[in-house]
Amino acid sequence: MLARRTLEVPLPECVVLNDVDLELLKASFQALVALRCEKGREWEGLVRQLKEDGWTVRWGLTWRAEAKRGEDYEEATGPTLDDALAGVAQLARLDMAGRVP
C-alpha cells in the first residue's frame, strides 16, 4: 500500500474559512491533482493536431451546477460557482413559470 501524501497550503491570516469553504477547497485541489496526474495524455496529441490544422485551442475548468425535483432536471455551467448556481436557478425559475396557469 502506498503511503498517503498530504500537501499543506498556507492561507493568509485574514482568511476565515467555514466548513463549506474547507470542503470546497479540498474538493478543488483533489480535482486539480486528478486532472494533472491522469494517466492518459492523449489530449496533448489532439491539441497539437488541432493547432497544426490552424485551430486556436483554449481550454479551462468550469463549474457545473444541477438541480433536480422529481422528473425535472436543470443544469448550468459557468466560470465561477456563483455563475453556475445563478444559471441553474434561472432555469429552474423558468421551468416553474412555464407551469403556472
PDB file of N, CA and C in Angstrom:
ATOM      1  N   MET A   1       0.846  -1.182   0.000  1.00  0.00           N
ATOM      2  CA  MET A   1       0.000   0.000   0.000  1.00  0.00           C
ATOM      3  C   MET A   1       0.890   1.243   0.000  1.00  0.00           C
ATOM      4  N   LEU A   2       0.547   2.203  -0.828  1.00  0.00           N
ATOM      5  CA  LEU A   2       1.316   3.440  -0.894  1.00  0.00           C
ATOM      6  C   LEU A   2       1.050   4.312   0.324  1.00  0.00           C
ATOM      7  N   ALA A   3       2.076   4.989   0.768  1.00  0.00           N
ATOM      8  CA  ALA A   3       1.920   5.904   1.895  1.00  0.00           C
ATOM      9  C   ALA A   3       1.090   7.101   1.434  1.00  0.00           C
ATOM     10  N   ARG A   4       0.230   7.554   2.302  1.00  0.00           N
ATOM     11  CA  ARG A   4      -0.597   8.720   1.985  1.00  0.00           C
ATOM     12  C   ARG A   4       0.255   9.972   2.066  1.00  0.00           C
ATOM     13  N   ARG A   5       0.158  10.797   1.022  1.00  0.00           N
ATOM     14  CA  ARG A   5       0.922  12.041   0.993  1.00  0.00           C
ATOM     15  C   ARG A   5      -0.055  13.196   1.081  1.00  0.00           C
ATOM     16  N   THR A   6       0.352  14.225   1.798  1.00  0.00           N
ATOM     17  CA  THR A   6      -0.508  15.383   2.024  1.00  0.00           C
ATOM     18  C   THR A   6       0.243  16.641   1.634  1.00  0.00           C
ATOM     19  N   LEU A   7      -0.485  17.558   1.025  1.00  0.00           N
ATOM     20  CA  LEU A   7       0.068  18.854   0.659  1.00  0.00           C
ATOM     21  C   LEU A   7      -0.491  19.892   1.624  1.00  0.00           C
ATOM     22  N   GLU A   8       0.384  20.664   2.216  1.00  0.00           N
ATOM     23  CA  GLU A   8      -0.046  21.725   3.128  1.00  0.00           C
ATOM     24  C   GLU A   8       0.012  23.054   2.386  1.00  0.00           C
ATOM     25  N   VAL A   9      -1.085  23.799   2.434  1.00  0.00           N
ATOM     26  CA  VAL A   9      -1.165  25.083   1.734  1.00  0.00           C
ATOM     27  C   VAL A   9      -1.391  26.182   2.765  1.00  0.00           C
ATOM     28  N   PRO A  10      -0.424  27.078   2.927  1.00  0.00           N
ATOM     29  CA  PRO A  10      -0.611  28.172   3.881  1.00  0.00           C
ATOM     30  C   PRO A  10      -1.652  29.163   3.361  1.00  0.00           C
ATOM     31  N   LEU A  11      -2.506  29.623   4.239  1.00  0.00           N
ATOM     32  CA  LEU A  11      -3.535  30.603   3.900  1.00  0.00           C
ATOM     33  C   LEU A  11      -3.200  31.936   4.571  1.00  0.00           C
ATOM     34  N   PRO A  12      -3.543  33.034   3.928  1.00  0.00           N
ATOM     35  CA  PRO A  12      -3.310  34.334   4.576  1.00  0.00           C
ATOM     36  C   PRO A  12      -4.065  34.405   5.907  1.00  0.00           C
ATOM     37  N   GLU A  13      -3.497  35.115   6.857  1.00  0.00           N
ATOM     38  CA  GLU A  13      -4.102  35.197   8.190  1.00  0.00           C
ATOM     39  C   GLU A  13      -5.480  35.843   8.164  1.00  0.00           C
ATOM     40  N   CYS A  14      -5.730  36.713   7.193  1.00  0.00           N
ATOM     41  CA  CYS A  14      -7.010  37.411   7.139  1.00  0.00           C
ATOM     42  C   CYS A  14      -8.142  36.522   6.613  1.00  0.00           C
ATOM     43  N   VAL A  15      -7.811  35.343   6.075  1.00  0.00           N
ATOM     44  CA  VAL A  15      -8.828  34.457   5.507  1.00  0.00           C
ATOM     45  C   VAL A  15      -9.490  33.650   6.619  1.00  0.00           C
ATOM     46  N   VAL A  16     -10.818  33.718   6.658  1.00  0.00           N
ATOM     47  CA  VAL A  16     -11.605  32.929   7.613  1.00  0.00           C
ATOM     48  C   VAL A  16     -12.458  31.964   6.808  1.00  0.00           C
ATOM     49  N   LEU A  17     -12.267  30.675   7.029  1.00  0.00           N
ATOM     50  CA  LEU A  17     -12.978  29.659   6.272  1.00  0.00           C
ATOM     51  C   LEU A  17     -13.940  28.892   7.170  1.00  0.00           C
ATOM     52  N   ASN A  18     -15.157  28.673   6.666  1.00  0.00           N
ATOM     53  CA  ASN A  18     -16.092  27.826   7.394  1.00  0.00           C
ATOM     54  C   ASN A  18     -15.968  26.399   6.855  1.00  0.00           C
ATOM     55  N   ASP A  19     -16.780  25.484   7.369  1.00  0.00           N
ATOM     56  CA  ASP A  19     -16.686  24.082   6.954  1.00  0.00           C
ATOM     57  C   ASP A  19     -16.955  23.903   5.465  1.00  0.00           C
ATOM     58  N   VAL A  20     -17.902  24.651   4.919  1.00  0.00           N
ATOM     59  CA  VAL A  20     -18.213  24.563   3.487  1.00  0.00           C
ATOM     60  C   VAL A  20     -17.024  25.033   2.662  1.00  0.00           C
ATOM     61  N   ASP A  21     -16.401  26.131   3.072  1.00  0.00           N
ATOM     62  CA  ASP A  21     -15.216  26.635   2.370  1.00  0.00           C
ATOM     63  C   ASP A  21     -14.095  25.594   2.369  1.00  0.00           C
ATOM     64  N   LEU A  22     -13.875  24.970   3.506  1.00  0.00           N
ATOM     65  CA  LEU A  22     -12.813  23.967   3.607  1.00  0.00           C
ATOM     66  C   LEU A  22     -13.096  22.777   2.694  1.00  0.00           C
ATOM     67  N   GLU A  23     -14.337  22.307   2.666  1.00  0.00           N
ATOM     68  CA  GLU A  23     -14.690  21.188   1.790  1.00  0.00           C
ATOM     69  C   GLU A  23     -14.531  21.573   0.326  1.00  0.00           C
ATOM     70  N   LEU A  24     -14.898  22.807  -0.006  1.00  0.00           N
ATOM     71  CA  LEU A  24     -14.768  23.292  -1.375  1.00  0.00           C
ATOM     72  C   LEU A  24     -13.297  23.347  -1.792  1.00  0.00           C
ATOM     73  N   LEU A  25     -12.440  23.862  -0.942  1.00  0.00           N
ATOM     74  CA  LEU A  25     -11.006  23.909  -1.244  1.00  0.00           C
ATOM     75  C   LEU A  25     -10.428  22.502  -1.392  1.00  0.00           C
ATOM     76  N   LYS A  26     -10.817  21.620  -0.506  1.00  0.00           N
ATOM     77  CA  LYS A  26     -10.326  20.246  -0.564  1.00  0.00           C
ATOM     78  C   LYS A  26     -10.751  19.590  -1.875  1.00  0.00           C
ATOM     79  N   ALA A  27     -12.022  19.721  -2.243  1.00  0.00           N
ATOM     80  CA  ALA A  27     -12.512  19.121  -3.487  1.00  0.00           C
ATOM     81  C   ALA A  27     -11.830  19.733  -4.702  1.00  0.00           C
ATOM     82  N   SER A  28     -11.601  21.041  -4.656  1.00  0.00           N
ATOM     83  CA  SER A  28     -10.946  21.722  -5.779  1.00  0.00           C
ATOM     84  C   SER A  28      -9.523  21.206  -5.976  1.00  0.00           C
ATOM     85  N   PHE A  29      -8.770  21.115  -4.905  1.00  0.00           N
ATOM     86  CA  PHE A  29      -7.399  20.632  -5.016  1.00  0.00           C
ATOM     87  C   PHE A  29      -7.358  19.170  -5.451  1.00  0.00           C
ATOM     88  N   GLN A  30      -8.281  18.353  -4.940  1.00  0.00           N
ATOM     89  CA  GLN A  30      -8.320  16.953  -5.357  1.00  0.00           C
ATOM     90  C   GLN A  30      -8.619  16.839  -6.852  1.00  0.00           C
ATOM     91  N   ALA A  31      -9.527  17.684  -7.352  1.00  0.00           N
ATOM     92  CA  ALA A  31      -9.856  17.668  -8.778  1.00  0.00           C
ATOM     93  C   ALA A  31      -8.651  18.097  -9.616  1.00  0.00           C
ATOM     94  N   LEU A  32      -7.952  19.141  -9.181  1.00  0.00           N
ATOM     95  CA  LEU A  32      -6.773  19.599  -9.915  1.00  0.00           C
ATOM     96  C   LEU A  32      -5.686  18.525  -9.950  1.00  0.00           C
ATOM     97  N   VAL A  33      -5.466  17.860  -8.845  1.00  0.00           N
ATOM     98  CA  VAL A  33      -4.450  16.804  -8.814  1.00  0.00           C
ATOM     99  C   VAL A  33      -4.859  15.665  -9.743  1.00  0.00           C
ATOM    100  N   ALA A  34      -6.126  15.285  -9.705  1.00  0.00           N
ATOM    101  CA  ALA A  34      -6.598  14.208 -10.572  1.00  0.00           C
ATOM    102  C   ALA A  34      -6.452  14.589 -12.046  1.00  0.00           C
ATOM    103  N   LEU A  35      -6.789  15.825 -12.382  1.00  0.00           N
ATOM    104  CA  LEU A  35      -6.668  16.267 -13.766  1.00  0.00           C
ATOM    105  C   LEU A  35      -5.220  16.312 -14.225  1.00  0.00           C
ATOM    106  N   ARG A  36      -4.354  16.794 -13.378  1.00  0.00           N
ATOM    107  CA  ARG A  36      -2.939  16.952 -13.748  1.00  0.00           C
ATOM    108  C   ARG A  36      -2.208  15.616 -13.793  1.00  0.00           C
ATOM    109  N   CYS A  37      -2.600  14.699 -12.941  1.00  0.00           N
ATOM    110  CA  CYS A  37      -1.865  13.445 -12.812  1.00  0.00           C
ATOM    111  C   CYS A  37      -2.549  12.277 -13.514  1.00  0.00           C
ATOM    112  N   GLU A  38      -3.560  12.565 -14.325  1.00  0.00           N
ATOM    113  CA  GLU A  38      -4.243  11.479 -15.018  1.00  0.00           C
ATOM    114  C   GLU A  38      -3.245  10.717 -15.879  1.00  0.00           C
ATOM    115  N   LYS A  39      -3.498   9.432 -16.042  1.00  0.00           N
ATOM    116  CA  LYS A  39      -2.538   8.595 -16.759  1.00  0.00           C
ATOM    117  C   LYS A  39      -2.556   8.852 -18.260  1.00  0.00           C
ATOM    118  N   GLY A  40      -3.729   9.082 -18.826  1.00  0.00           N
ATOM    119  CA  GLY A  40      -3.828   9.300 -20.264  1.00  0.00           C
ATOM    120  C   GLY A  40      -3.392  10.706 -20.639  1.00  0.00           C
ATOM    121  N   ARG A  41      -2.601  10.820 -21.679  1.00  0.00           N
ATOM    122  CA  ARG A  41      -2.145  12.130 -22.150  1.00  0.00           C
ATOM    123  C   ARG A  41      -2.500  12.301 -23.633  1.00  0.00           C
ATOM    124  N   GLU A  42      -3.536  11.572 -24.079  1.00  0.00           N
ATOM    125  CA  GLU A  42      -3.931  11.645 -25.475  1.00  0.00           C
ATOM    126  C   GLU A  42      -4.335  13.062 -25.872  1.00  0.00           C
ATOM    127  N   TRP A  43      -4.814  13.831 -24.913  1.00  0.00           N
ATOM    128  CA  TRP A  43      -5.271  15.180 -25.203  1.00  0.00           C
ATOM    129  C   TRP A  43      -4.149  16.047 -25.771  1.00  0.00           C
ATOM    130  N   GLU A  44      -2.917  15.778 -25.368  1.00  0.00           N
ATOM    131  CA  GLU A  44      -1.789  16.570 -25.880  1.00  0.00           C
ATOM    132  C   GLU A  44      -1.658  16.411 -27.392  1.00  0.00           C
ATOM    133  N   GLY A  45      -1.797  15.182 -27.883  1.00  0.00           N
ATOM    134  CA  GLY A  45      -1.734  14.940 -29.312  1.00  0.00           C
ATOM    135  C   GLY A  45      -2.896  15.590 -30.045  1.00  0.00           C
ATOM    136  N   LEU A  46      -4.074  15.564 -29.426  1.00  0.00           N
ATOM    137  CA  LEU A  46      -5.242  16.194 -30.037  1.00  0.00           C
ATOM    138  C   LEU A  46      -5.056  17.701 -30.156  1.00  0.00           C
ATOM    139  N   VAL A  47      -4.535  18.313 -29.105  1.00  0.00           N
ATOM    140  CA  VAL A  47      -4.298  19.760 -29.132  1.00  0.00           C
ATOM    141  C   VAL A  47      -3.257  20.095 -30.198  1.00  0.00           C
ATOM    142  N   ARG A  48      -2.189  19.328 -30.245  1.00  0.00           N
ATOM    143  CA  ARG A  48      -1.138  19.573 -31.236  1.00  0.00           C
ATOM    144  C   ARG A  48      -1.698  19.455 -32.656  1.00  0.00           C
ATOM    145  N   GLN A  49      -2.513  18.426 -32.904  1.00  0.00           N
ATOM    146  CA  GLN A  49      -3.089  18.229 -34.231  1.00  0.00           C
ATOM    147  C   GLN A  49      -4.024  19.374 -34.608  1.00  0.00           C
ATOM    148  N   LEU A  50      -4.846  19.802 -33.673  1.00  0.00           N
ATOM    149  CA  LEU A  50      -5.753  20.924 -33.950  1.00  0.00           C
ATOM    150  C   LEU A  50      -4.973  22.186 -34.287  1.00  0.00           C
ATOM    151  N   LYS A  51      -3.910  22.443 -33.523  1.00  0.00           N
ATOM    152  CA  LYS A  51      -3.084  23.627 -33.796  1.00  0.00           C
ATOM    153  C   LYS A  51      -2.408  23.521 -35.156  1.00  0.00           C
ATOM    154  N   GLU A  52      -1.933  22.335 -35.483  1.00  0.00           N
ATOM    155  CA  GLU A  52      -1.317  22.140 -36.793  1.00  0.00           C
ATOM    156  C   GLU A  52      -2.322  22.367 -37.925  1.00  0.00           C
ATOM    157  N   ASP A  53      -3.590  22.088 -37.648  1.00  0.00           N
ATOM    158  CA  ASP A  53      -4.651  22.286 -38.637  1.00  0.00           C
ATOM    159  C   ASP A  53      -5.167  23.720 -38.650  1.00  0.00           C
ATOM    160  N   GLY A  54      -4.502  24.617 -37.876  1.00  0.00           N
ATOM    161  CA  GLY A  54      -4.853  26.027 -37.912  1.00  0.00           C
ATOM    162  C   GLY A  54      -5.846  26.483 -36.853  1.00  0.00           C
ATOM    163  N   TRP A  55      -6.225  25.603 -35.962  1.00  0.00           N
ATOM    164  CA  TRP A  55      -7.175  25.975 -34.908  1.00  0.00           C
ATOM    165  C   TRP A  55      -6.452  26.660 -33.755  1.00  0.00           C
ATOM    166  N   THR A  56      -7.120  27.620 -33.136  1.00  0.00           N
ATOM    167  CA  THR A  56      -6.662  28.187 -31.875  1.00  0.00           C
ATOM    168  C   THR A  56      -7.381  27.409 -30.783  1.00  0.00           C
ATOM    169  N   VAL A  57      -6.646  26.815 -29.900  1.00  0.00           N
ATOM    170  CA  VAL A  57      -7.241  25.937 -28.887  1.00  0.00           C
ATOM    171  C   VAL A  57      -7.078  26.557 -27.511  1.00  0.00           C
ATOM    172  N   ARG A  58      -8.188  26.705 -26.813  1.00  0.00           N
ATOM    173  CA  ARG A  58      -8.178  27.154 -25.415  1.00  0.00           C
ATOM    174  C   ARG A  58      -9.016  26.181 -24.614  1.00  0.00           C
ATOM    175  N   TRP A  59      -8.643  25.968 -23.388  1.00  0.00           N
ATOM    176  CA  TRP A  59      -9.438  25.119 -22.523  1.00  0.00           C
ATOM    177  C   TRP A  59      -9.267  25.586 -21.093  1.00  0.00           C
ATOM    178  N   GLY A  60     -10.198  25.191 -20.247  1.00  0.00           N
ATOM    179  CA  GLY A  60     -10.134  25.569 -18.846  1.00  0.00           C
ATOM    180  C   GLY A  60     -11.154  24.788 -18.044  1.00  0.00           C
ATOM    181  N   LEU A  61     -11.110  24.984 -16.787  1.00  0.00           N
ATOM    182  CA  LEU A  61     -12.044  24.325 -15.886  1.00  0.00           C
ATOM    183  C   LEU A  61     -13.274  25.207 -15.694  1.00  0.00           C
ATOM    184  N   THR A  62     -14.381  24.588 -15.412  1.00  0.00           N
ATOM    185  CA  THR A  62     -15.616  25.328 -15.208  1.00  0.00           C
ATOM    186  C   THR A  62     -16.431  24.656 -14.105  1.00  0.00           C
ATOM    187  N   TRP A  63     -17.338  25.398 -13.534  1.00  0.00           N
ATOM    188  CA  TRP A  63     -18.245  24.875 -12.518  1.00  0.00           C
ATOM    189  C   TRP A  63     -19.481  24.324 -13.198  1.00  0.00           C
ATOM    190  N   ARG A  64     -20.064  23.273 -12.635  1.00  0.00           N
ATOM    191  CA  ARG A  64     -21.316  22.715 -13.113  1.00  0.00           C
ATOM    192  C   ARG A  64     -22.263  22.618 -11.929  1.00  0.00           C
ATOM    193  N   ALA A  65     -23.454  23.149 -12.116  1.00  0.00           N
ATOM    194  CA  ALA A  65     -24.470  23.073 -11.062  1.00  0.00           C
ATOM    195  C   ALA A  65     -25.689  22.376 -11.642  1.00  0.00           C
ATOM    196  N   GLU A  66     -26.354  21.591 -10.831  1.00  0.00           N
ATOM    197  CA  GLU A  66     -27.564  20.916 -11.277  1.00  0.00           C
ATOM    198  C   GLU A  66     -28.624  20.985 -10.196  1.00  0.00           C
ATOM    199  N   ALA A  67     -29.861  20.971 -10.656  1.00  0.00           N
ATOM    200  CA  ALA A  67     -30.999  20.969  -9.734  1.00  0.00           C
ATOM    201  C   ALA A  67     -31.996  19.937 -10.249  1.00  0.00           C
ATOM    202  N   LYS A  68     -32.517  19.126  -9.347  1.00  0.00           N
ATOM    203  CA  LYS A  68     -33.470  18.095  -9.727  1.00  0.00           C
ATOM    204  C   LYS A  68     -34.618  18.098  -8.740  1.00  0.00           C
ATOM    205  N   ARG A  69     -35.824  17.997  -9.283  1.00  0.00           N
ATOM    206  CA  ARG A  69     -37.022  17.881  -8.451  1.00  0.00           C
ATOM    207  C   ARG A  69     -37.952  16.933  -9.183  1.00  0.00           C
ATOM    208  N   GLY A  70     -38.111  15.742  -8.633  1.00  0.00           N
ATOM    209  CA  GLY A  70     -38.924  14.738  -9.307  1.00  0.00           C
ATOM    210  C   GLY A  70     -38.305  14.402 -10.651  1.00  0.00           C
ATOM    211  N   GLU A  71     -39.082  14.554 -11.722  1.00  0.00           N
ATOM    212  CA  GLU A  71     -38.599  14.293 -13.071  1.00  0.00           C
ATOM    213  C   GLU A  71     -37.940  15.514 -13.713  1.00  0.00           C
ATOM    214  N   ASP A  72     -38.058  16.680 -13.066  1.00  0.00           N
ATOM    215  CA  ASP A  72     -37.480  17.916 -13.611  1.00  0.00           C
ATOM    216  C   ASP A  72     -35.982  17.954 -13.321  1.00  0.00           C
ATOM    217  N   TYR A  73     -35.213  18.367 -14.331  1.00  0.00           N
ATOM    218  CA  TYR A  73     -33.769  18.431 -14.187  1.00  0.00           C
ATOM    219  C   TYR A  73     -33.251  19.652 -14.929  1.00  0.00           C
ATOM    220  N   GLU A  74     -32.428  20.428 -14.270  1.00  0.00           N
ATOM    221  CA  GLU A  74     -31.785  21.591 -14.881  1.00  0.00           C
ATOM    222  C   GLU A  74     -30.297  21.529 -14.585  1.00  0.00           C
ATOM    223  N   GLU A  75     -29.509  21.993 -15.544  1.00  0.00           N
ATOM    224  CA  GLU A  75     -28.052  22.004 -15.390  1.00  0.00           C
ATOM    225  C   GLU A  75     -27.491  23.247 -16.050  1.00  0.00           C
ATOM    226  N   ALA A  76     -26.496  23.852 -15.414  1.00  0.00           N
ATOM    227  CA  ALA A  76     -25.848  25.030 -15.972  1.00  0.00           C
ATOM    228  C   ALA A  76     -24.369  24.985 -15.622  1.00  0.00           C
ATOM    229  N   THR A  77     -23.571  25.637 -16.450  1.00  0.00           N
ATOM    230  CA  THR A  77     -22.142  25.748 -16.190  1.00  0.00           C
ATOM    231  C   THR A  77     -21.756  27.214 -16.160  1.00  0.00           C
ATOM    232  N   GLY A  78     -20.609  27.499 -15.562  1.00  0.00           N
ATOM    233  CA  GLY A  78     -20.128  28.860 -15.505  1.00  0.00           C
ATOM    234  C   GLY A  78     -18.694  28.901 -15.036  1.00  0.00           C
ATOM    235  N   PRO A  79     -18.026  30.018 -15.261  1.00  0.00           N
ATOM    236  CA  PRO A  79     -16.630  30.139 -14.849  1.00  0.00           C
ATOM    237  C   PRO A  79     -16.464  30.238 -13.331  1.00  0.00           C
ATOM    238  N   THR A  80     -17.539  30.596 -12.627  1.00  0.00           N
ATOM    239  CA  THR A  80     -17.497  30.653 -11.165  1.00  0.00           C
ATOM    240  C   THR A  80     -18.678  29.866 -10.612  1.00  0.00           C
ATOM    241  N   LEU A  81     -18.592  29.499  -9.350  1.00  0.00           N
ATOM    242  CA  LEU A  81     -19.695  28.798  -8.698  1.00  0.00           C
ATOM    243  C   LEU A  81     -20.941  29.670  -8.687  1.00  0.00           C
ATOM    244  N   ASP A  82     -20.778  30.961  -8.416  1.00  0.00           N
ATOM    245  CA  ASP A  82     -21.919  31.871  -8.433  1.00  0.00           C
ATOM    246  C   ASP A  82     -22.610  31.872  -9.791  1.00  0.00           C
ATOM    247  N   ASP A  83     -21.836  31.921 -10.878  1.00  0.00           N
ATOM    248  CA  ASP A  83     -22.411  31.927 -12.223  1.00  0.00           C
ATOM    249  C   ASP A  83     -23.179  30.635 -12.506  1.00  0.00           C
ATOM    250  N   ALA A  84     -22.591  29.504 -12.151  1.00  0.00           N
ATOM    251  CA  ALA A  84     -23.252  28.223 -12.410  1.00  0.00           C
ATOM    252  C   ALA A  84     -24.542  28.100 -11.603  1.00  0.00           C
ATOM    253  N   LEU A  85     -24.506  28.473 -10.328  1.00  0.00           N
ATOM    254  CA  LEU A  85     -25.705  28.383  -9.496  1.00  0.00           C
ATOM    255  C   LEU A  85     -26.767  29.383  -9.935  1.00  0.00           C
ATOM    256  N   ALA A  86     -26.353  30.586 -10.336  1.00  0.00           N
ATOM    257  CA  ALA A  86     -27.319  31.565 -10.836  1.00  0.00           C
ATOM    258  C   ALA A  86     -27.980  31.050 -12.106  1.00  0.00           C
ATOM    259  N   GLY A  87     -27.191  30.410 -12.964  1.00  0.00           N
ATOM    260  CA  GLY A  87     -27.746  29.856 -14.195  1.00  0.00           C
ATOM    261  C   GLY A  87     -28.748  28.754 -13.936  1.00  0.00           C
ATOM    262  N   VAL A  88     -28.430  27.842 -13.036  1.00  0.00           N
ATOM    263  CA  VAL A  88     -29.358  26.746 -12.745  1.00  0.00           C
ATOM    264  C   VAL A  88     -30.599  27.273 -12.027  1.00  0.00           C
ATOM    265  N   ALA A  89     -30.441  28.296 -11.185  1.00  0.00           N
ATOM    266  CA  ALA A  89     -31.605  28.892 -10.523  1.00  0.00           C
ATOM    267  C   ALA A  89     -32.518  29.561 -11.541  1.00  0.00           C
ATOM    268  N   GLN A  90     -31.934  30.245 -12.516  1.00  0.00           N
ATOM    269  CA  GLN A  90     -32.738  30.890 -13.550  1.00  0.00           C
ATOM    270  C   GLN A  90     -33.498  29.847 -14.377  1.00  0.00           C
ATOM    271  N   LEU A  91     -32.849  28.770 -14.725  1.00  0.00           N
ATOM    272  CA  LEU A  91     -33.519  27.713 -15.480  1.00  0.00           C
ATOM    273  C   LEU A  91     -34.651  27.091 -14.673  1.00  0.00           C
ATOM    274  N   ALA A  92     -34.424  26.884 -13.377  1.00  0.00           N
ATOM    275  CA  ALA A  92     -35.468  26.314 -12.520  1.00  0.00           C
ATOM    276  C   ALA A  92     -36.656  27.271 -12.417  1.00  0.00           C
ATOM    277  N   ARG A  93     -36.381  28.577 -12.302  1.00  0.00           N
ATOM    278  CA  ARG A  93     -37.473  29.562 -12.237  1.00  0.00           C
ATOM    279  C   ARG A  93     -38.251  29.593 -13.548  1.00  0.00           C
ATOM    280  N   LEU A  94     -37.551  29.510 -14.669  1.00  0.00           N
ATOM    281  CA  LEU A  94     -38.225  29.476 -15.963  1.00  0.00           C
ATOM    282  C   LEU A  94     -39.109  28.246 -16.091  1.00  0.00           C
ATOM    283  N   ASP A  95     -38.623  27.122 -15.578  1.00  0.00           N
ATOM    284  CA  ASP A  95     -39.411  25.900 -15.604  1.00  0.00           C
ATOM    285  C   ASP A  95     -40.683  26.055 -14.784  1.00  0.00           C
ATOM    286  N   MET A  96     -40.554  26.682 -13.606  1.00  0.00           N
ATOM    287  CA  MET A  96     -41.724  26.899 -12.750  1.00  0.00           C
ATOM    288  C   MET A  96     -42.692  27.869 -13.391  1.00  0.00           C
ATOM    289  N   ALA A  97     -42.176  28.922 -14.055  1.00  0.00           N
ATOM    290  CA  ALA A  97     -43.037  29.913 -14.686  1.00  0.00           C
ATOM    291  C   ALA A  97     -43.833  29.288 -15.825  1.00  0.00           C
ATOM    292  N   GLY A  98     -43.241  28.318 -16.510  1.00  0.00           N
ATOM    293  CA  GLY A  98     -43.930  27.659 -17.613  1.00  0.00           C
ATOM    294  C   GLY A  98     -45.074  26.782 -17.159  1.00  0.00           C
ATOM    295  N   ARG A  99     -45.150  26.474 -15.879  1.00  0.00           N
ATOM    296  CA  ARG A  99     -46.208  25.602 -15.352  1.00  0.00           C
ATOM    297  C   ARG A  99     -47.353  26.370 -14.722  1.00  0.00           C
ATOM    298  N   VAL A 100     -47.199  27.689 -14.607  1.00  0.00           N
ATOM    299  CA  VAL A 100     -48.247  28.491 -13.969  1.00  0.00           C
ATOM    300  C   VAL A 100     -49.384  28.693 -14.970  1.00  0.00           C
ATOM    301  N   PRO A 101     -50.651  28.401 -14.550  1.00  0.00           N
ATOM    302  CA  PRO A 101     -51.775  28.562 -15.487  1.00  0.00           C
ATOM    303  C   PRO A 101     -52.093  30.028 -15.764  1.00  0.00           C
TER     304      PRO A 101
END
